[in-house]
Amino acid sequence: MTHAIEVSNLTKAYGNVVAVDRLTFSVPKGTFFGFLGANGAGKSTTIGCLTGLLEPSGGVVRLLGEPFDADSVALKARIGIVPENLGLFEFLYAHEFLEFQGQMYGLDQATARRRTTELLEALGLDAERGKTLGAFSAGMRKRVAFAGAVIHVPDILFLDEPFESIDPAGVALMKQWLRRLTDQGRTVFLTTHVLDVAERLCDRVVIIRQRAEVVWDGDVTPLASGRPIVVEGREFRRLEELFLHKTGTTSTEIEWL
């Protein structure tokens, strides 16, 4: 098996509104993959369809070489996700949530408890054991969601804006763990608006515009080492420049600013 994710003609409509229209792409196993687009382009909807949080209106999704849908319980145990809304149970303590998450993914109680302790200590949350998740700051909640997504060491990790609200030390640690996962042959699927982060981390990027229309799909590793990417005969040295070019984004001047 060479691909961790295969998507063919994926479509998601909400009534008469089409959020994702016949999206097709694939992600090789072991790739740090960036899925980039403007607000409302269909990134979070696509992640929802690829993880079973949303039911596609059409198309085919294959994960780890097998057909995937909302009922694919065995495959769901092999993926992790930090969704847009985090999906935390605010009345639980962090250690309760992580132990539950670990056991839900198939870890035995002792392993789930040990990994919970290690994750809370590494992420600087051990001192917050007396607070429920509802009392956590936005950054602390994001750290807990991330810990819950990696506690079982998934084969595919889906991340929807994972670094938002996280302080620099936390971001550095998370990046280190993510690169370790891909070094092990696991796959990371990242959406972010911070293009500098995607430029430094990702091996490959798909750029989409409205209705998840793919406008560019390619290798971005040259950028991290200071080499340009040539697209349509033009050199791009920054992912931001390529993104703005392919999405047709233009700046509008406001006279009084």
C-alpha atoms as a PDB file:
ATOM      1  CA  MET A   1       0.000   0.000   0.000  1.00  0.00           C
ATOM      2  CA  THR A   2       1.447   3.366  -1.025  1.00  0.00           C
ATOM      3  CA  HIS A   3      -1.369   5.768  -0.121  1.00  0.00           C
ATOM      4  CA  ALA A   4      -2.746   6.533   3.314  1.00  0.00           C
ATOM      5  CA  ILE A   5      -5.628   8.626   1.949  1.00  0.00           C
ATOM      6  CA  GLU A   6      -7.413   8.308  -1.400  1.00  0.00           C
ATOM      7  CA  VAL A   7     -10.328  10.600  -2.235  1.00  0.00           C
ATOM      8  CA  SER A   8     -12.323  10.336  -5.461  1.00  0.00           C
ATOM      9  CA  ASN A   9     -15.128  12.737  -6.452  1.00  0.00           C
ATOM     10  CA  LEU A  10     -15.935  13.559  -2.819  1.00  0.00           C
ATOM     11  CA  THR A  11     -19.028  15.749  -2.596  1.00  0.00           C
ATOM     12  CA  LYS A  12     -20.795  17.256   0.399  1.00  0.00           C
ATOM     13  CA  ALA A  13     -23.948  19.348   0.059  1.00  0.00           C
ATOM     14  CA  TYR A  14     -26.119  20.999   2.685  1.00  0.00           C
ATOM     15  CA  GLY A  15     -29.451  21.244   0.918  1.00  0.00           C
ATOM     16  CA  ASN A  16     -28.822  23.346  -2.169  1.00  0.00           C
ATOM     17  CA  VAL A  17     -25.449  24.560  -0.906  1.00  0.00           C
ATOM     18  CA  VAL A  18     -22.475  22.518  -2.147  1.00  0.00           C
ATOM     19  CA  ALA A  19     -19.523  22.813   0.241  1.00  0.00           C
ATOM     20  CA  VAL A  20     -17.290  20.229  -1.470  1.00  0.00           C
ATOM     21  CA  ASP A  21     -17.737  19.463  -5.162  1.00  0.00           C
ATOM     22  CA  ARG A  22     -16.158  16.292  -6.629  1.00  0.00           C
ATOM     23  CA  LEU A  23     -12.874  16.625  -4.757  1.00  0.00           C
ATOM     24  CA  THR A  24     -10.153  14.181  -5.827  1.00  0.00           C
ATOM     25  CA  PHE A  25      -6.653  13.787  -4.376  1.00  0.00           C
ATOM     26  CA  SER A  26      -4.408  11.238  -2.669  1.00  0.00           C
ATOM     27  CA  VAL A  27      -1.817  11.340   0.109  1.00  0.00           C
ATOM     28  CA  PRO A  28       1.145   8.931   0.156  1.00  0.00           C
ATOM     29  CA  LYS A  29       1.815   7.085   3.390  1.00  0.00           C
ATOM     30  CA  GLY A  30       4.291   8.856   5.675  1.00  0.00           C
ATOM     31  CA  THR A  31       3.572  12.308   4.236  1.00  0.00           C
ATOM     32  CA  PHE A  32       3.240  15.541   6.199  1.00  0.00           C
ATOM     33  CA  PHE A  33       0.380  16.857   4.066  1.00  0.00           C
ATOM     34  CA  GLY A  34      -1.021  20.381   4.013  1.00  0.00           C
ATOM     35  CA  PHE A  35      -4.598  21.021   2.884  1.00  0.00           C
ATOM     36  CA  LEU A  36      -4.819  24.781   2.400  1.00  0.00           C
ATOM     37  CA  GLY A  37      -7.555  27.184   1.416  1.00  0.00           C
ATOM     38  CA  ALA A  38      -9.310  30.401   2.367  1.00  0.00           C
ATOM     39  CA  ASN A  39     -12.102  30.596   4.924  1.00  0.00           C
ATOM     40  CA  GLY A  40     -15.138  28.755   3.606  1.00  0.00           C
ATOM     41  CA  ALA A  41     -13.239  26.853   0.927  1.00  0.00           C
ATOM     42  CA  GLY A  42     -14.269  23.463   2.350  1.00  0.00           C
ATOM     43  CA  LYS A  43     -11.300  22.390   4.496  1.00  0.00           C
ATOM     44  CA  SER A  44     -13.154  21.523   7.703  1.00  0.00           C
ATOM     45  CA  THR A  45     -15.994  19.921   5.749  1.00  0.00           C
ATOM     46  CA  THR A  46     -13.479  17.723   3.950  1.00  0.00           C
ATOM     47  CA  ILE A  47     -11.872  16.655   7.239  1.00  0.00           C
ATOM     48  CA  GLY A  48     -15.327  15.856   8.596  1.00  0.00           C
ATOM     49  CA  CYS A  49     -16.012  13.574   5.627  1.00  0.00           C
ATOM     50  CA  LEU A  50     -12.598  11.886   5.911  1.00  0.00           C
ATOM     51  CA  THR A  51     -13.032  11.080   9.607  1.00  0.00           C
ATOM     52  CA  GLY A  52     -16.669  10.032   9.804  1.00  0.00           C
ATOM     53  CA  LEU A  53     -17.869  13.214  11.505  1.00  0.00           C
ATOM     54  CA  LEU A  54     -19.880  14.072   8.384  1.00  0.00           C
ATOM     55  CA  GLU A  55     -21.632  11.830   5.874  1.00  0.00           C
ATOM     56  CA  PRO A  56     -20.539  12.639   2.300  1.00  0.00           C
ATOM     57  CA  SER A  57     -23.209  13.273  -0.311  1.00  0.00           C
ATOM     58  CA  GLY A  58     -21.177  11.362  -2.885  1.00  0.00           C
ATOM     59  CA  GLY A  59     -17.776  10.034  -3.832  1.00  0.00           C
ATOM     60  CA  VAL A  60     -15.381   7.461  -2.417  1.00  0.00           C
ATOM     61  CA  VAL A  61     -12.917   7.690   0.485  1.00  0.00           C
ATOM     62  CA  ARG A  62     -10.247   5.079   1.162  1.00  0.00           C
ATOM     63  CA  LEU A  63      -8.042   5.179   4.250  1.00  0.00           C
ATOM     64  CA  LEU A  64      -5.037   2.885   4.658  1.00  0.00           C
ATOM     65  CA  GLY A  65      -6.100   0.972   1.561  1.00  0.00           C
ATOM     66  CA  GLU A  66      -9.653   0.243   2.745  1.00  0.00           C
ATOM     67  CA  PRO A  67     -13.033   1.840   1.934  1.00  0.00           C
ATOM     68  CA  PHE A  68     -14.036   4.262   4.683  1.00  0.00           C
ATOM     69  CA  ASP A  69     -17.397   5.563   5.857  1.00  0.00           C
ATOM     70  CA  ALA A  70     -19.027   6.610   9.114  1.00  0.00           C
ATOM     71  CA  ASP A  71     -19.466   2.958  10.160  1.00  0.00           C
ATOM     72  CA  SER A  72     -15.808   1.943   9.658  1.00  0.00           C
ATOM     73  CA  VAL A  73     -15.094   1.354  13.348  1.00  0.00           C
ATOM     74  CA  ALA A  74     -11.828  -0.556  12.869  1.00  0.00           C
ATOM     75  CA  LEU A  75     -10.412   2.173  10.641  1.00  0.00           C
ATOM     76  CA  LYS A  76     -11.513   4.908  13.035  1.00  0.00           C
ATOM     77  CA  ALA A  77      -9.383   3.249  15.724  1.00  0.00           C
ATOM     78  CA  ARG A  78      -6.340   3.867  13.493  1.00  0.00           C
ATOM     79  CA  ILE A  79      -6.876   7.599  13.009  1.00  0.00           C
ATOM     80  CA  GLY A  80      -6.691  10.594  15.324  1.00  0.00           C
ATOM     81  CA  ILE A  81      -8.341  13.986  14.920  1.00  0.00           C
ATOM     82  CA  VAL A  82      -8.192  17.480  16.358  1.00  0.00           C
ATOM     83  CA  PRO A  83     -11.435  18.869  14.894  1.00  0.00           C
ATOM     84  CA  GLU A  84     -12.413  22.497  14.488  1.00  0.00           C
ATOM     85  CA  ASN A  85     -14.669  22.417  17.559  1.00  0.00           C
ATOM     86  CA  LEU A  86     -12.235  20.192  19.600  1.00  0.00           C
ATOM     87  CA  GLY A  87     -14.996  17.848  20.829  1.00  0.00           C
ATOM     88  CA  LEU A  88     -14.018  17.976  24.519  1.00  0.00           C
ATOM     89  CA  PHE A  89     -16.296  16.999  27.409  1.00  0.00           C
ATOM     90  CA  GLU A  90     -16.090  20.162  29.489  1.00  0.00           C
ATOM     91  CA  PHE A  91     -17.317  18.582  32.738  1.00  0.00           C
ATOM     92  CA  LEU A  92     -14.394  16.125  32.817  1.00  0.00           C
ATOM     93  CA  TYR A  93     -10.902  16.669  34.171  1.00  0.00           C
ATOM     94  CA  ALA A  94      -8.103  16.467  31.608  1.00  0.00           C
ATOM     95  CA  HIS A  95      -6.811  13.153  32.930  1.00  0.00           C
ATOM     96  CA  GLU A  96     -10.332  11.674  32.870  1.00  0.00           C
ATOM     97  CA  PHE A  97     -10.839  12.745  29.275  1.00  0.00           C
ATOM     98  CA  LEU A  98      -7.489  11.402  28.087  1.00  0.00           C
ATOM     99  CA  GLU A  99      -7.870   8.062  29.877  1.00  0.00           C
ATOM    100  CA  PHE A 100     -11.324   7.689  28.341  1.00  0.00           C
ATOM    101  CA  GLN A 101      -9.984   8.650  24.918  1.00  0.00           C
ATOM    102  CA  GLY A 102      -7.153   6.143  25.159  1.00  0.00           C
ATOM    103  CA  GLN A 103      -9.447   3.281  26.146  1.00  0.00           C
ATOM    104  CA  MET A 104     -11.944   4.243  23.450  1.00  0.00           C
ATOM    105  CA  TYR A 105      -9.121   3.792  20.939  1.00  0.00           C
ATOM    106  CA  GLY A 106      -8.349   0.344  22.307  1.00  0.00           C
ATOM    107  CA  LEU A 107      -5.623   0.932  24.897  1.00  0.00           C
ATOM    108  CA  ASP A 108      -5.856  -1.060  28.113  1.00  0.00           C
ATOM    109  CA  GLN A 109      -6.537   0.957  31.257  1.00  0.00           C
ATOM    110  CA  ALA A 110      -2.979   0.818  32.595  1.00  0.00           C
ATOM    111  CA  THR A 111      -1.467   1.982  29.295  1.00  0.00           C
ATOM    112  CA  ALA A 112      -4.059   4.747  28.885  1.00  0.00           C
ATOM    113  CA  ARG A 113      -3.352   5.970  32.420  1.00  0.00           C
ATOM    114  CA  ARG A 114       0.436   5.900  31.962  1.00  0.00           C
ATOM    115  CA  ARG A 115       0.311   7.733  28.638  1.00  0.00           C
ATOM    116  CA  THR A 116      -2.119  10.283  30.087  1.00  0.00           C
ATOM    117  CA  THR A 117       0.321  11.111  32.869  1.00  0.00           C
ATOM    118  CA  GLU A 118       3.212  11.420  30.405  1.00  0.00           C
ATOM    119  CA  LEU A 119       1.228  13.622  28.015  1.00  0.00           C
ATOM    120  CA  LEU A 120      -0.029  15.983  30.715  1.00  0.00           C
ATOM    121  CA  GLU A 121       3.482  16.416  32.097  1.00  0.00           C
ATOM    122  CA  ALA A 122       5.046  16.973  28.649  1.00  0.00           C
ATOM    123  CA  LEU A 123       2.383  19.513  27.643  1.00  0.00           C
ATOM    124  CA  GLY A 124       2.643  21.466  30.906  1.00  0.00           C
ATOM    125  CA  LEU A 125      -0.852  20.554  32.089  1.00  0.00           C
ATOM    126  CA  ASP A 126      -0.063  18.401  35.115  1.00  0.00           C
ATOM    127  CA  ALA A 127      -0.568  21.314  37.503  1.00  0.00           C
ATOM    128  CA  GLU A 128      -4.116  21.802  36.176  1.00  0.00           C
ATOM    129  CA  ARG A 129      -5.481  18.472  37.418  1.00  0.00           C
ATOM    130  CA  GLY A 130      -7.846  20.262  39.786  1.00  0.00           C
ATOM    131  CA  LYS A 131      -9.685  22.051  36.941  1.00  0.00           C
ATOM    132  CA  THR A 132     -12.321  20.680  34.635  1.00  0.00           C
ATOM    133  CA  LEU A 133     -11.849  21.215  30.912  1.00  0.00           C
ATOM    134  CA  GLY A 134     -14.554  23.885  30.967  1.00  0.00           C
ATOM    135  CA  ALA A 135     -12.248  26.037  33.120  1.00  0.00           C
ATOM    136  CA  PHE A 136      -9.248  25.664  30.793  1.00  0.00           C
ATOM    137  CA  SER A 137      -7.991  28.477  28.565  1.00  0.00           C
ATOM    138  CA  ALA A 138      -8.293  28.130  24.781  1.00  0.00           C
ATOM    139  CA  GLY A 139      -4.639  27.121  24.469  1.00  0.00           C
ATOM    140  CA  MET A 140      -4.888  24.539  27.249  1.00  0.00           C
ATOM    141  CA  ARG A 141      -7.986  23.040  25.648  1.00  0.00           C
ATOM    142  CA  LYS A 142      -6.181  22.782  22.313  1.00  0.00           C
ATOM    143  CA  ARG A 143      -3.282  20.953  24.024  1.00  0.00           C
ATOM    144  CA  VAL A 144      -5.683  18.453  25.579  1.00  0.00           C
ATOM    145  CA  ALA A 145      -7.391  17.859  22.228  1.00  0.00           C
ATOM    146  CA  PHE A 146      -3.995  17.244  20.641  1.00  0.00           C
ATOM    147  CA  ALA A 147      -3.006  14.826  23.412  1.00  0.00           C
ATOM    148  CA  GLY A 148      -6.256  12.930  22.925  1.00  0.00           C
ATOM    149  CA  ALA A 149      -5.585  12.635  19.199  1.00  0.00           C
ATOM    150  CA  VAL A 150      -2.092  11.146  19.587  1.00  0.00           C
ATOM    151  CA  ILE A 151      -2.490   9.014  22.718  1.00  0.00           C
ATOM    152  CA  HIS A 152      -2.961   5.835  20.643  1.00  0.00           C
ATOM    153  CA  VAL A 153      -0.246   6.753  18.083  1.00  0.00           C
ATOM    154  CA  PRO A 154      -2.570   6.816  15.042  1.00  0.00           C
ATOM    155  CA  ASP A 155      -1.620   5.800  11.516  1.00  0.00           C
ATOM    156  CA  ILE A 156      -3.279   8.974  10.191  1.00  0.00           C
ATOM    157  CA  LEU A 157      -3.583  12.170  12.227  1.00  0.00           C
ATOM    158  CA  PHE A 158      -6.043  14.841  11.053  1.00  0.00           C
ATOM    159  CA  LEU A 159      -5.386  18.335  12.419  1.00  0.00           C
ATOM    160  CA  ASP A 160      -7.706  21.305  11.859  1.00  0.00           C
ATOM    161  CA  GLU A 161      -5.797  24.478  12.891  1.00  0.00           C
ATOM    162  CA  PRO A 162      -3.914  22.638  15.680  1.00  0.00           C
ATOM    163  CA  PHE A 163      -1.539  25.484  16.624  1.00  0.00           C
ATOM    164  CA  GLU A 164      -4.147  28.183  17.122  1.00  0.00           C
ATOM    165  CA  SER A 165      -3.940  29.692  20.667  1.00  0.00           C
ATOM    166  CA  ILE A 166      -0.874  27.561  21.555  1.00  0.00           C
ATOM    167  CA  ASP A 167       2.196  29.327  22.961  1.00  0.00           C
ATOM    168  CA  PRO A 168       5.567  28.980  21.139  1.00  0.00           C
ATOM    169  CA  ALA A 169       6.939  26.299  23.485  1.00  0.00           C
ATOM    170  CA  GLY A 170       3.840  24.167  23.013  1.00  0.00           C
ATOM    171  CA  VAL A 171       3.928  24.608  19.244  1.00  0.00           C
ATOM    172  CA  ALA A 172       7.588  23.576  19.125  1.00  0.00           C
ATOM    173  CA  LEU A 173       6.869  20.408  21.096  1.00  0.00           C
ATOM    174  CA  MET A 174       3.855  19.512  18.964  1.00  0.00           C
ATOM    175  CA  LYS A 175       5.859  20.007  15.767  1.00  0.00           C
ATOM    176  CA  GLN A 176       8.562  17.704  17.121  1.00  0.00           C
ATOM    177  CA  TRP A 177       6.010  14.973  17.855  1.00  0.00           C
ATOM    178  CA  LEU A 178       4.365  15.363  14.450  1.00  0.00           C
ATOM    179  CA  ARG A 179       7.641  15.024  12.592  1.00  0.00           C
ATOM    180  CA  ARG A 180       8.406  11.924  14.662  1.00  0.00           C
ATOM    181  CA  LEU A 181       5.111  10.386  13.520  1.00  0.00           C
ATOM    182  CA  THR A 182       5.900  10.926   9.838  1.00  0.00           C
ATOM    183  CA  ASP A 183       9.440   9.629  10.353  1.00  0.00           C
ATOM    184  CA  GLN A 184       7.770   6.415  11.571  1.00  0.00           C
ATOM    185  CA  GLY A 185       5.797   6.166   8.316  1.00  0.00           C
ATOM    186  CA  ARG A 186       2.581   7.627   9.732  1.00  0.00           C
ATOM    187  CA  THR A 187       0.631  10.362   7.944  1.00  0.00           C
ATOM    188  CA  VAL A 188      -0.271  13.864   9.132  1.00  0.00           C
ATOM    189  CA  PHE A 189      -3.096  15.786   7.420  1.00  0.00           C
ATOM    190  CA  LEU A 190      -2.904  19.466   8.383  1.00  0.00           C
ATOM    191  CA  THR A 191      -5.123  22.452   7.699  1.00  0.00           C
ATOM    192  CA  THR A 192      -3.811  25.842   8.765  1.00  0.00           C
ATOM    193  CA  HIS A 193      -3.983  29.482   7.776  1.00  0.00           C
ATOM    194  CA  VAL A 194      -0.420  30.020   8.999  1.00  0.00           C
ATOM    195  CA  LEU A 195       1.352  29.406   5.713  1.00  0.00           C
ATOM    196  CA  ASP A 196       4.828  29.843   7.194  1.00  0.00           C
ATOM    197  CA  VAL A 197       4.126  26.817   9.401  1.00  0.00           C
ATOM    198  CA  ALA A 198       2.909  24.759   6.440  1.00  0.00           C
ATOM    199  CA  GLU A 199       5.962  25.814   4.435  1.00  0.00           C
ATOM    200  CA  ARG A 200       8.357  24.581   7.138  1.00  0.00           C
ATOM    201  CA  LEU A 201       6.500  21.388   8.055  1.00  0.00           C
ATOM    202  CA  CYS A 202       4.767  19.987   4.992  1.00  0.00           C
ATOM    203  CA  ASP A 203       6.203  17.683   2.354  1.00  0.00           C
ATOM    204  CA  ARG A 204       3.278  18.134   0.018  1.00  0.00           C
ATOM    205  CA  VAL A 205       0.438  20.627  -0.253  1.00  0.00           C
ATOM    206  CA  VAL A 206      -2.950  20.822  -1.946  1.00  0.00           C
ATOM    207  CA  ILE A 207      -4.395  24.316  -2.356  1.00  0.00           C
ATOM    208  CA  ILE A 208      -8.148  24.647  -2.802  1.00  0.00           C
ATOM    209  CA  ARG A 209     -10.595  27.437  -3.450  1.00  0.00           C
ATOM    210  CA  GLN A 210     -14.399  27.537  -3.185  1.00  0.00           C
ATOM    211  CA  ARG A 211     -16.190  24.151  -3.059  1.00  0.00           C
ATOM    212  CA  ALA A 212     -12.803  22.502  -2.451  1.00  0.00           C
ATOM    213  CA  GLU A 213     -11.685  22.947  -6.053  1.00  0.00           C
ATOM    214  CA  VAL A 214      -8.045  21.859  -6.254  1.00  0.00           C
ATOM    215  CA  VAL A 215      -5.962  24.594  -7.892  1.00  0.00           C
ATOM    216  CA  TRP A 216      -2.502  23.237  -7.045  1.00  0.00           C
ATOM    217  CA  ASP A 217      -1.088  19.947  -5.800  1.00  0.00           C
ATOM    218  CA  GLY A 218       2.648  19.511  -5.360  1.00  0.00           C
ATOM    219  CA  ASP A 219       5.894  19.093  -3.448  1.00  0.00           C
ATOM    220  CA  VAL A 220       6.848  22.069  -1.236  1.00  0.00           C
ATOM    221  CA  THR A 221      10.036  20.668   0.322  1.00  0.00           C
ATOM    222  CA  PRO A 222      12.324  22.929  -1.783  1.00  0.00           C
ATOM    223  CA  LEU A 223      10.910  26.009   0.002  1.00  0.00           C
ATOM    224  CA  ALA A 224      12.142  24.893   3.426  1.00  0.00           C
ATOM    225  CA  SER A 225      15.703  24.780   2.114  1.00  0.00           C
ATOM    226  CA  GLY A 226      15.490  28.151   0.363  1.00  0.00           C
ATOM    227  CA  ARG A 227      14.955  26.836  -3.169  1.00  0.00           C
ATOM    228  CA  PRO A 228      12.098  28.084  -5.352  1.00  0.00           C
ATOM    229  CA  ILE A 229       9.175  26.164  -6.816  1.00  0.00           C
ATOM    230  CA  VAL A 230       8.517  26.767 -10.491  1.00  0.00           C
ATOM    231  CA  VAL A 231       4.811  26.931 -11.342  1.00  0.00           C
ATOM    232  CA  GLU A 232       3.577  27.953 -14.779  1.00  0.00           C
ATOM    233  CA  GLY A 233       7.042  29.226 -15.638  1.00  0.00           C
ATOM    234  CA  ARG A 234       7.206  31.467 -12.579  1.00  0.00           C
ATOM    235  CA  GLU A 235       9.421  31.027  -9.524  1.00  0.00           C
ATOM    236  CA  PHE A 236       7.873  31.103  -6.042  1.00  0.00           C
ATOM    237  CA  ARG A 237      10.104  31.266  -2.973  1.00  0.00           C
ATOM    238  CA  ARG A 238       7.327  31.480  -0.403  1.00  0.00           C
ATOM    239  CA  LEU A 239       4.233  29.325  -0.008  1.00  0.00           C
ATOM    240  CA  GLU A 240       2.216  32.460   0.703  1.00  0.00           C
ATOM    241  CA  GLU A 241       3.091  33.855  -2.742  1.00  0.00           C
ATOM    242  CA  LEU A 242       2.052  30.614  -4.432  1.00  0.00           C
ATOM    243  CA  PHE A 243      -1.158  30.425  -2.401  1.00  0.00           C
ATOM    244  CA  LEU A 244      -2.206  33.973  -3.296  1.00  0.00           C
ATOM    245  CA  HIS A 245      -1.373  33.380  -6.951  1.00  0.00           C
ATOM    246  CA  LYS A 246      -3.313  30.124  -7.270  1.00  0.00           C
ATOM    247  CA  THR A 247      -6.367  31.294  -5.299  1.00  0.00           C
ATOM    248  CA  GLY A 248      -6.561  34.572  -7.207  1.00  0.00           C
ATOM    249  CA  THR A 249      -6.419  36.603  -4.004  1.00  0.00           C
ATOM    250  CA  THR A 250      -5.790  40.318  -4.504  1.00  0.00           C
ATOM    251  CA  SER A 251      -5.357  43.119  -1.996  1.00  0.00           C
ATOM    252  CA  THR A 252      -7.791  46.014  -1.857  1.00  0.00           C
ATOM    253  CA  GLU A 253      -6.489  49.408  -0.822  1.00  0.00           C
ATOM    254  CA  ILE A 254      -8.498  51.442   1.688  1.00  0.00           C
ATOM    255  CA  GLU A 255      -7.649  55.104   1.408  1.00  0.00           C
ATOM    256  CA  TRP A 256      -7.920  55.957   5.096  1.00  0.00           C
ATOM    257  CA  LEU A 257      -5.767  53.051   6.313  1.00  0.00           C
END
